[in-house]
C-alpha atoms as a PDB file:
ATOM      1  CA  UNK A   1      52.104   0.997   1.265  1.00  0.00           C
ATOM      2  CA  UNK A   2      53.579   4.158  -0.283  1.00  0.00           C
ATOM      3  CA  UNK A   3      55.545   6.671   1.784  1.00  0.00           C
ATOM      4  CA  UNK A   4      53.804   9.702   0.276  1.00  0.00           C
ATOM      5  CA  UNK A   5      54.128  13.364   1.205  1.00  0.00           C
ATOM      6  CA  UNK A   6      52.708  14.902  -1.974  1.00  0.00           C
ATOM      7  CA  UNK A   7      50.577  14.048  -4.988  1.00  0.00           C
ATOM      8  CA  UNK A   8      50.953  15.557  -8.448  1.00  0.00           C
ATOM      9  CA  UNK A   9      48.010  15.073 -10.795  1.00  0.00           C
ATOM     10  CA  UNK A  10      47.626  14.949 -14.525  1.00  0.00           C
ATOM     11  CA  UNK A  11      44.505  16.884 -15.566  1.00  0.00           C
ATOM     12  CA  UNK A  12      42.593  15.438 -18.553  1.00  0.00           C
ATOM     13  CA  UNK A  13      41.598  11.836 -17.933  1.00  0.00           C
ATOM     14  CA  UNK A  14      42.705  12.001 -14.303  1.00  0.00           C
ATOM     15  CA  UNK A  15      40.980  14.888 -12.518  1.00  0.00           C
ATOM     16  CA  UNK A  16      38.581  16.015 -15.244  1.00  0.00           C
ATOM     17  CA  UNK A  17      36.577  14.129 -17.858  1.00  0.00           C
ATOM     18  CA  UNK A  18      37.074  16.440 -20.818  1.00  0.00           C
ATOM     19  CA  UNK A  19      36.718  13.825 -23.555  1.00  0.00           C
ATOM     20  CA  UNK A  20      33.526  15.145 -25.127  1.00  0.00           C
ATOM     21  CA  UNK A  21      34.538  18.798 -25.172  1.00  0.00           C
ATOM     22  CA  UNK A  22      37.942  17.985 -26.678  1.00  0.00           C
ATOM     23  CA  UNK A  23      36.539  15.537 -29.211  1.00  0.00           C
ATOM     24  CA  UNK A  24      33.690  17.812 -30.249  1.00  0.00           C
ATOM     25  CA  UNK A  25      36.034  20.781 -30.736  1.00  0.00           C
ATOM     26  CA  UNK A  26      38.452  18.768 -32.877  1.00  0.00           C
ATOM     27  CA  UNK A  27      35.584  17.301 -34.903  1.00  0.00           C
ATOM     28  CA  UNK A  28      34.218  20.771 -35.605  1.00  0.00           C
ATOM     29  CA  UNK A  29      37.665  21.942 -36.678  1.00  0.00           C
ATOM     30  CA  UNK A  30      38.080  18.917 -38.955  1.00  0.00           C
ATOM     31  CA  UNK A  31      34.640  19.473 -40.470  1.00  0.00           C
ATOM     32  CA  UNK A  32      35.289  23.166 -41.070  1.00  0.00           C
ATOM     33  CA  UNK A  33      38.478  22.272 -42.937  1.00  0.00           C
ATOM     34  CA  UNK A  34      36.898  19.497 -44.996  1.00  0.00           C
ATOM     35  CA  UNK A  35      38.301  16.472 -43.155  1.00  0.00           C
ATOM     36  CA  UNK A  36      36.356  13.461 -41.810  1.00  0.00           C
ATOM     37  CA  UNK A  37      35.274  13.442 -38.166  1.00  0.00           C
ATOM     38  CA  UNK A  38      35.715  10.666 -35.593  1.00  0.00           C
ATOM     39  CA  UNK A  39      33.611   8.905 -32.976  1.00  0.00           C
ATOM     40  CA  UNK A  40      34.198  10.601 -29.629  1.00  0.00           C
ATOM     41  CA  UNK A  41      35.621   7.464 -27.985  1.00  0.00           C
ATOM     42  CA  UNK A  42      38.443   7.410 -30.535  1.00  0.00           C
ATOM     43  CA  UNK A  43      39.770  10.557 -28.902  1.00  0.00           C
ATOM     44  CA  UNK A  44      40.795   8.474 -25.901  1.00  0.00           C
ATOM     45  CA  UNK A  45      43.727   7.384 -28.059  1.00  0.00           C
ATOM     46  CA  UNK A  46      44.337  10.808 -29.605  1.00  0.00           C
ATOM     47  CA  UNK A  47      44.604  12.731 -26.308  1.00  0.00           C
ATOM     48  CA  UNK A  48      48.020  12.787 -24.628  1.00  0.00           C
ATOM     49  CA  UNK A  49      51.143  14.746 -25.481  1.00  0.00           C
ATOM     50  CA  UNK A  50      49.429  18.102 -25.926  1.00  0.00           C
ATOM     51  CA  UNK A  51      46.843  19.611 -28.265  1.00  0.00           C
ATOM     52  CA  UNK A  52      49.112  19.637 -31.315  1.00  0.00           C
ATOM     53  CA  UNK A  53      49.694  15.898 -30.937  1.00  0.00           C
ATOM     54  CA  UNK A  54      45.938  15.333 -30.545  1.00  0.00           C
ATOM     55  CA  UNK A  55      45.092  17.315 -33.669  1.00  0.00           C
ATOM     56  CA  UNK A  56      47.846  15.574 -35.633  1.00  0.00           C
ATOM     57  CA  UNK A  57      46.482  12.132 -34.733  1.00  0.00           C
ATOM     58  CA  UNK A  58      42.962  13.217 -35.727  1.00  0.00           C
ATOM     59  CA  UNK A  59      44.017  14.365 -39.205  1.00  0.00           C
ATOM     60  CA  UNK A  60      44.097  11.830 -42.067  1.00  0.00           C
ATOM     61  CA  UNK A  61      47.579  10.309 -42.284  1.00  0.00           C
ATOM     62  CA  UNK A  62      48.215  11.755 -45.748  1.00  0.00           C
ATOM     63  CA  UNK A  63      47.294  15.263 -44.553  1.00  0.00           C
ATOM     64  CA  UNK A  64      49.649  15.502 -41.565  1.00  0.00           C
ATOM     65  CA  UNK A  65      51.972  18.168 -42.906  1.00  0.00           C
ATOM     66  CA  UNK A  66      53.043  21.265 -40.985  1.00  0.00           C
ATOM     67  CA  UNK A  67      50.616  23.597 -42.733  1.00  0.00           C
ATOM     68  CA  UNK A  68      47.565  21.405 -42.186  1.00  0.00           C
ATOM     69  CA  UNK A  69      48.466  20.702 -38.570  1.00  0.00           C
ATOM     70  CA  UNK A  70      48.892  24.384 -37.779  1.00  0.00           C
ATOM     71  CA  UNK A  71      45.652  25.279 -39.571  1.00  0.00           C
ATOM     72  CA  UNK A  72      43.661  22.612 -37.769  1.00  0.00           C
ATOM     73  CA  UNK A  73      45.220  23.518 -34.418  1.00  0.00           C
ATOM     74  CA  UNK A  74      44.377  27.181 -34.950  1.00  0.00           C
ATOM     75  CA  UNK A  75      40.733  26.348 -35.746  1.00  0.00           C
ATOM     76  CA  UNK A  76      40.526  23.948 -32.797  1.00  0.00           C
ATOM     77  CA  UNK A  77      41.764  26.649 -30.408  1.00  0.00           C
ATOM     78  CA  UNK A  78      39.165  29.107 -31.712  1.00  0.00           C
ATOM     79  CA  UNK A  79      36.371  26.619 -31.094  1.00  0.00           C
ATOM     80  CA  UNK A  80      37.689  25.264 -27.797  1.00  0.00           C
ATOM     81  CA  UNK A  81      38.088  28.779 -26.388  1.00  0.00           C
ATOM     82  CA  UNK A  82      34.298  29.107 -26.503  1.00  0.00           C
ATOM     83  CA  UNK A  83      33.274  25.496 -25.830  1.00  0.00           C
ATOM     84  CA  UNK A  84      35.914  24.096 -23.460  1.00  0.00           C
ATOM     85  CA  UNK A  85      33.551  23.642 -20.522  1.00  0.00           C
ATOM     86  CA  UNK A  86      30.248  22.477 -21.996  1.00  0.00           C
ATOM     87  CA  UNK A  87      30.294  18.840 -20.851  1.00  0.00           C
ATOM     88  CA  UNK A  88      33.514  18.647 -18.821  1.00  0.00           C
ATOM     89  CA  UNK A  89      33.166  17.523 -15.207  1.00  0.00           C
ATOM     90  CA  UNK A  90      35.307  16.205 -12.377  1.00  0.00           C
ATOM     91  CA  UNK A  91      35.414  12.429 -12.291  1.00  0.00           C
ATOM     92  CA  UNK A  92      33.288  10.771  -9.628  1.00  0.00           C
ATOM     93  CA  UNK A  93      34.972  10.721  -6.199  1.00  0.00           C
ATOM     94  CA  UNK A  94      37.701  13.195  -7.195  1.00  0.00           C
ATOM     95  CA  UNK A  95      36.317  15.813  -4.757  1.00  0.00           C
ATOM     96  CA  UNK A  96      36.355  13.233  -1.961  1.00  0.00           C
ATOM     97  CA  UNK A  97      39.894  12.195  -2.855  1.00  0.00           C
ATOM     98  CA  UNK A  98      41.142  15.786  -2.796  1.00  0.00           C
ATOM     99  CA  UNK A  99      39.382  16.424   0.522  1.00  0.00           C
ATOM    100  CA  UNK A 100      40.958  13.360   2.128  1.00  0.00           C
ATOM    101  CA  UNK A 101      44.434  14.200   0.823  1.00  0.00           C
ATOM    102  CA  UNK A 102      44.103  17.736   2.178  1.00  0.00           C
ATOM    103  CA  UNK A 103      43.008  16.370   5.546  1.00  0.00           C
ATOM    104  CA  UNK A 104      46.149  14.246   5.598  1.00  0.00           C
ATOM    105  CA  UNK A 105      48.254  17.364   4.828  1.00  0.00           C
ATOM    106  CA  UNK A 106      49.498  15.997   1.524  1.00  0.00           C
ATOM    107  CA  UNK A 107      50.823  18.684  -0.815  1.00  0.00           C
ATOM    108  CA  UNK A 108      48.882  18.832  -4.095  1.00  0.00           C
ATOM    109  CA  UNK A 109      49.975  20.043  -7.541  1.00  0.00           C
ATOM    110  CA  UNK A 110      48.937  19.676 -11.187  1.00  0.00           C
ATOM    111  CA  UNK A 111      51.218  18.933 -14.140  1.00  0.00           C
ATOM    112  CA  UNK A 112      49.584  18.688 -17.566  1.00  0.00           C
ATOM    113  CA  UNK A 113      50.344  19.074 -21.257  1.00  0.00           C
ATOM    114  CA  UNK A 114      47.136  21.069 -21.705  1.00  0.00           C
ATOM    115  CA  UNK A 115      47.931  24.680 -22.673  1.00  0.00           C
ATOM    116  CA  UNK A 116      48.290  26.794 -19.558  1.00  0.00           C
ATOM    117  CA  UNK A 117      45.458  29.183 -20.437  1.00  0.00           C
ATOM    118  CA  UNK A 118      42.923  26.326 -20.550  1.00  0.00           C
ATOM    119  CA  UNK A 119      44.505  24.635 -17.542  1.00  0.00           C
ATOM    120  CA  UNK A 120      43.922  27.754 -15.450  1.00  0.00           C
ATOM    121  CA  UNK A 121      40.320  28.012 -16.658  1.00  0.00           C
ATOM    122  CA  UNK A 122      39.580  24.426 -15.668  1.00  0.00           C
ATOM    123  CA  UNK A 123      41.222  24.828 -12.274  1.00  0.00           C
ATOM    124  CA  UNK A 124      39.158  27.946 -11.643  1.00  0.00           C
ATOM    125  CA  UNK A 125      35.926  26.325 -12.849  1.00  0.00           C
ATOM    126  CA  UNK A 126      36.252  22.915 -11.204  1.00  0.00           C
ATOM    127  CA  UNK A 127      39.092  22.841  -8.683  1.00  0.00           C
ATOM    128  CA  UNK A 128      38.943  26.137  -6.846  1.00  0.00           C
ATOM    129  CA  UNK A 129      37.959  24.517  -3.538  1.00  0.00           C
ATOM    130  CA  UNK A 130      41.418  22.961  -3.081  1.00  0.00           C
ATOM    131  CA  UNK A 131      44.887  24.404  -2.650  1.00  0.00           C
ATOM    132  CA  UNK A 132      47.411  23.366  -5.290  1.00  0.00           C
ATOM    133  CA  UNK A 133      51.006  24.322  -4.559  1.00  0.00           C
ATOM    134  CA  UNK A 134      51.791  24.609  -8.278  1.00  0.00           C
ATOM    135  CA  UNK A 135      49.770  24.306 -11.484  1.00  0.00           C
ATOM    136  CA  UNK A 136      51.888  23.780 -14.584  1.00  0.00           C
ATOM    137  CA  UNK A 137      50.430  23.602 -18.078  1.00  0.00           C
ATOM    138  CA  UNK A 138      52.046  23.673 -21.494  1.00  0.00           C
ATOM    139  CA  UNK A 139      53.721  26.923 -22.543  1.00  0.00           C
ATOM    140  CA  UNK A 140      55.199  27.412 -26.017  1.00  0.00           C
ATOM    141  CA  UNK A 141      58.924  26.801 -26.045  1.00  0.00           C
ATOM    142  CA  UNK A 142      58.975  24.654 -22.903  1.00  0.00           C
ATOM    143  CA  UNK A 143      59.383  20.860 -22.881  1.00  0.00           C
ATOM    144  CA  UNK A 144      56.226  18.762 -22.623  1.00  0.00           C
ATOM    145  CA  UNK A 145      55.789  15.627 -20.559  1.00  0.00           C
ATOM    146  CA  UNK A 146      57.309  13.053 -20.458  1.00  0.00           C
ATOM    147  CA  UNK A 147      60.255  15.450 -20.214  1.00  0.00           C
ATOM    148  CA  UNK A 148      60.726  15.913 -16.436  1.00  0.00           C
ATOM    149  CA  UNK A 149      61.329  19.688 -16.537  1.00  0.00           C
ATOM    150  CA  UNK A 150      57.869  20.597 -15.211  1.00  0.00           C
ATOM    151  CA  UNK A 151      57.932  17.835 -12.614  1.00  0.00           C
ATOM    152  CA  UNK A 152      61.338  18.968 -11.407  1.00  0.00           C
ATOM    153  CA  UNK A 153      60.052  22.520 -10.939  1.00  0.00           C
ATOM    154  CA  UNK A 154      57.334  21.214  -8.645  1.00  0.00           C
ATOM    155  CA  UNK A 155      59.754  18.920  -6.808  1.00  0.00           C
ATOM    156  CA  UNK A 156      62.138  21.832  -6.212  1.00  0.00           C
ATOM    157  CA  UNK A 157      59.368  24.068  -4.866  1.00  0.00           C
ATOM    158  CA  UNK A 158      57.988  21.363  -2.571  1.00  0.00           C
ATOM    159  CA  UNK A 159      61.427  20.431  -1.264  1.00  0.00           C
ATOM    160  CA  UNK A 160      60.337  16.804  -1.031  1.00  0.00           C
ATOM    161  CA  UNK A 161      62.300  13.771  -2.157  1.00  0.00           C
ATOM    162  CA  UNK A 162      60.691  12.716  -5.473  1.00  0.00           C
ATOM    163  CA  UNK A 163      60.436   9.107  -4.282  1.00  0.00           C
ATOM    164  CA  UNK A 164      57.880  10.394  -1.750  1.00  0.00           C
ATOM    165  CA  UNK A 165      55.774  12.084  -4.432  1.00  0.00           C
ATOM    166  CA  UNK A 166      53.005  10.173  -6.205  1.00  0.00           C
ATOM    167  CA  UNK A 167      52.335  11.133  -9.796  1.00  0.00           C
ATOM    168  CA  UNK A 168      48.792  10.177 -10.768  1.00  0.00           C
ATOM    169  CA  UNK A 169      47.915   9.884 -14.452  1.00  0.00           C
ATOM    170  CA  UNK A 170      46.067   7.912 -17.100  1.00  0.00           C
ATOM    171  CA  UNK A 171      48.493   7.601 -20.041  1.00  0.00           C
ATOM    172  CA  UNK A 172      51.937   6.320 -20.965  1.00  0.00           C
ATOM    173  CA  UNK A 173      53.127   9.938 -21.052  1.00  0.00           C
ATOM    174  CA  UNK A 174      52.221  10.321 -17.377  1.00  0.00           C
ATOM    175  CA  UNK A 175      53.940   7.120 -16.279  1.00  0.00           C
ATOM    176  CA  UNK A 176      57.103   8.016 -18.199  1.00  0.00           C
ATOM    177  CA  UNK A 177      57.053  11.500 -16.671  1.00  0.00           C
ATOM    178  CA  UNK A 178      56.992  10.005 -13.184  1.00  0.00           C
ATOM    179  CA  UNK A 179      59.786   7.578 -14.005  1.00  0.00           C
ATOM    180  CA  UNK A 180      61.927  10.313 -15.568  1.00  0.00           C
ATOM    181  CA  UNK A 181      61.555  12.518 -12.473  1.00  0.00           C
ATOM    182  CA  UNK A 182      62.054   9.720  -9.935  1.00  0.00           C
ATOM    183  CA  UNK A 183      58.500   9.936  -8.628  1.00  0.00           C
ATOM    184  CA  UNK A 184      56.146   7.059  -7.760  1.00  0.00           C
ATOM    185  CA  UNK A 185      53.929   6.388 -10.824  1.00  0.00           C
ATOM    186  CA  UNK A 186      50.290   5.459 -10.179  1.00  0.00           C
ATOM    187  CA  UNK A 187      48.145   4.708 -13.213  1.00  0.00           C
ATOM    188  CA  UNK A 188      44.382   5.271 -13.194  1.00  0.00           C
ATOM    189  CA  UNK A 189      41.846   3.222 -15.137  1.00  0.00           C
ATOM    190  CA  UNK A 190      38.979   5.732 -15.224  1.00  0.00           C
ATOM    191  CA  UNK A 191      40.752   7.858 -17.837  1.00  0.00           C
ATOM    192  CA  UNK A 192      41.691   7.432 -21.476  1.00  0.00           C
ATOM    193  CA  UNK A 193      44.055   4.427 -21.629  1.00  0.00           C
ATOM    194  CA  UNK A 194      44.209   0.827 -20.449  1.00  0.00           C
ATOM    195  CA  UNK A 195      46.101  -1.107 -17.800  1.00  0.00           C
ATOM    196  CA  UNK A 196      48.547  -2.655 -20.246  1.00  0.00           C
ATOM    197  CA  UNK A 197      49.733   0.717 -21.531  1.00  0.00           C
ATOM    198  CA  UNK A 198      50.216   2.035 -18.012  1.00  0.00           C
ATOM    199  CA  UNK A 199      52.140  -0.998 -16.748  1.00  0.00           C
ATOM    200  CA  UNK A 200      54.353  -1.228 -19.825  1.00  0.00           C
ATOM    201  CA  UNK A 201      55.405   2.398 -19.349  1.00  0.00           C
ATOM    202  CA  UNK A 202      56.407   2.194 -15.714  1.00  0.00           C
ATOM    203  CA  UNK A 203      53.315   2.254 -13.496  1.00  0.00           C
ATOM    204  CA  UNK A 204      54.220   0.942 -10.038  1.00  0.00           C
ATOM    205  CA  UNK A 205      50.567   0.727  -8.959  1.00  0.00           C
ATOM    206  CA  UNK A 206      47.219   0.739 -10.761  1.00  0.00           C
ATOM    207  CA  UNK A 207      43.942   1.962  -9.281  1.00  0.00           C
ATOM    208  CA  UNK A 208      40.416   1.630 -10.674  1.00  0.00           C
ATOM    209  CA  UNK A 209      38.731   4.276  -8.506  1.00  0.00           C
ATOM    210  CA  UNK A 210      40.070   7.541  -7.037  1.00  0.00           C
ATOM    211  CA  UNK A 211      39.663   6.664  -3.366  1.00  0.00           C
ATOM    212  CA  UNK A 212      41.865   3.588  -3.777  1.00  0.00           C
ATOM    213  CA  UNK A 213      44.781   6.020  -3.642  1.00  0.00           C
ATOM    214  CA  UNK A 214      44.010   6.677   0.024  1.00  0.00           C
ATOM    215  CA  UNK A 215      44.448   2.961   0.764  1.00  0.00           C
ATOM    216  CA  UNK A 216      47.804   2.992  -1.024  1.00  0.00           C
ATOM    217  CA  UNK A 217      49.249   5.812   1.045  1.00  0.00           C
ATOM    218  CA  UNK A 218      47.791   4.998   4.484  1.00  0.00           C
END
């Protein structure tokens, strides 16, 4: 049983299933620039670490220079700005999980490497029914996860010992973020990565479905 007073969530692959919109936008950018596209499921391994990292992984290895990365990222952003919310949805049982956590007076926040402008749009479109103490997305010039800077900002605002804060995420980046900030790392299996990756990067618990978190903290 976890002594939990707050939960911080990753966004993509944890709260929202954005795989198709991300993959389709990158594929369109690649196609426009004359590069081969990928099957959508391959983007499960490309997502994580921010949009620049995702675009870099999607480019052919021999084309991953600064100019090509910036050009592809620029085109991706143009496409994603218009098509970021075509197929994206909350994962099943996420609304119920958020309701139950709110009923238990757990403080909720979001910490993601998604650019802040898209993070805010997704929160407004899909998560406006719940109160999040802080929502932190990626801003140019600030450290990305797994650097603990963003997590520490949330911890400071909440005034809660980090050992009593669950960080819920679906990738190695998320588990390392929790470890680096002294939080309790819980890996989820409905997102983009597998159990082995989560455990090998510090996950203290693994859950297969959102509502299993309630059992962990009761």
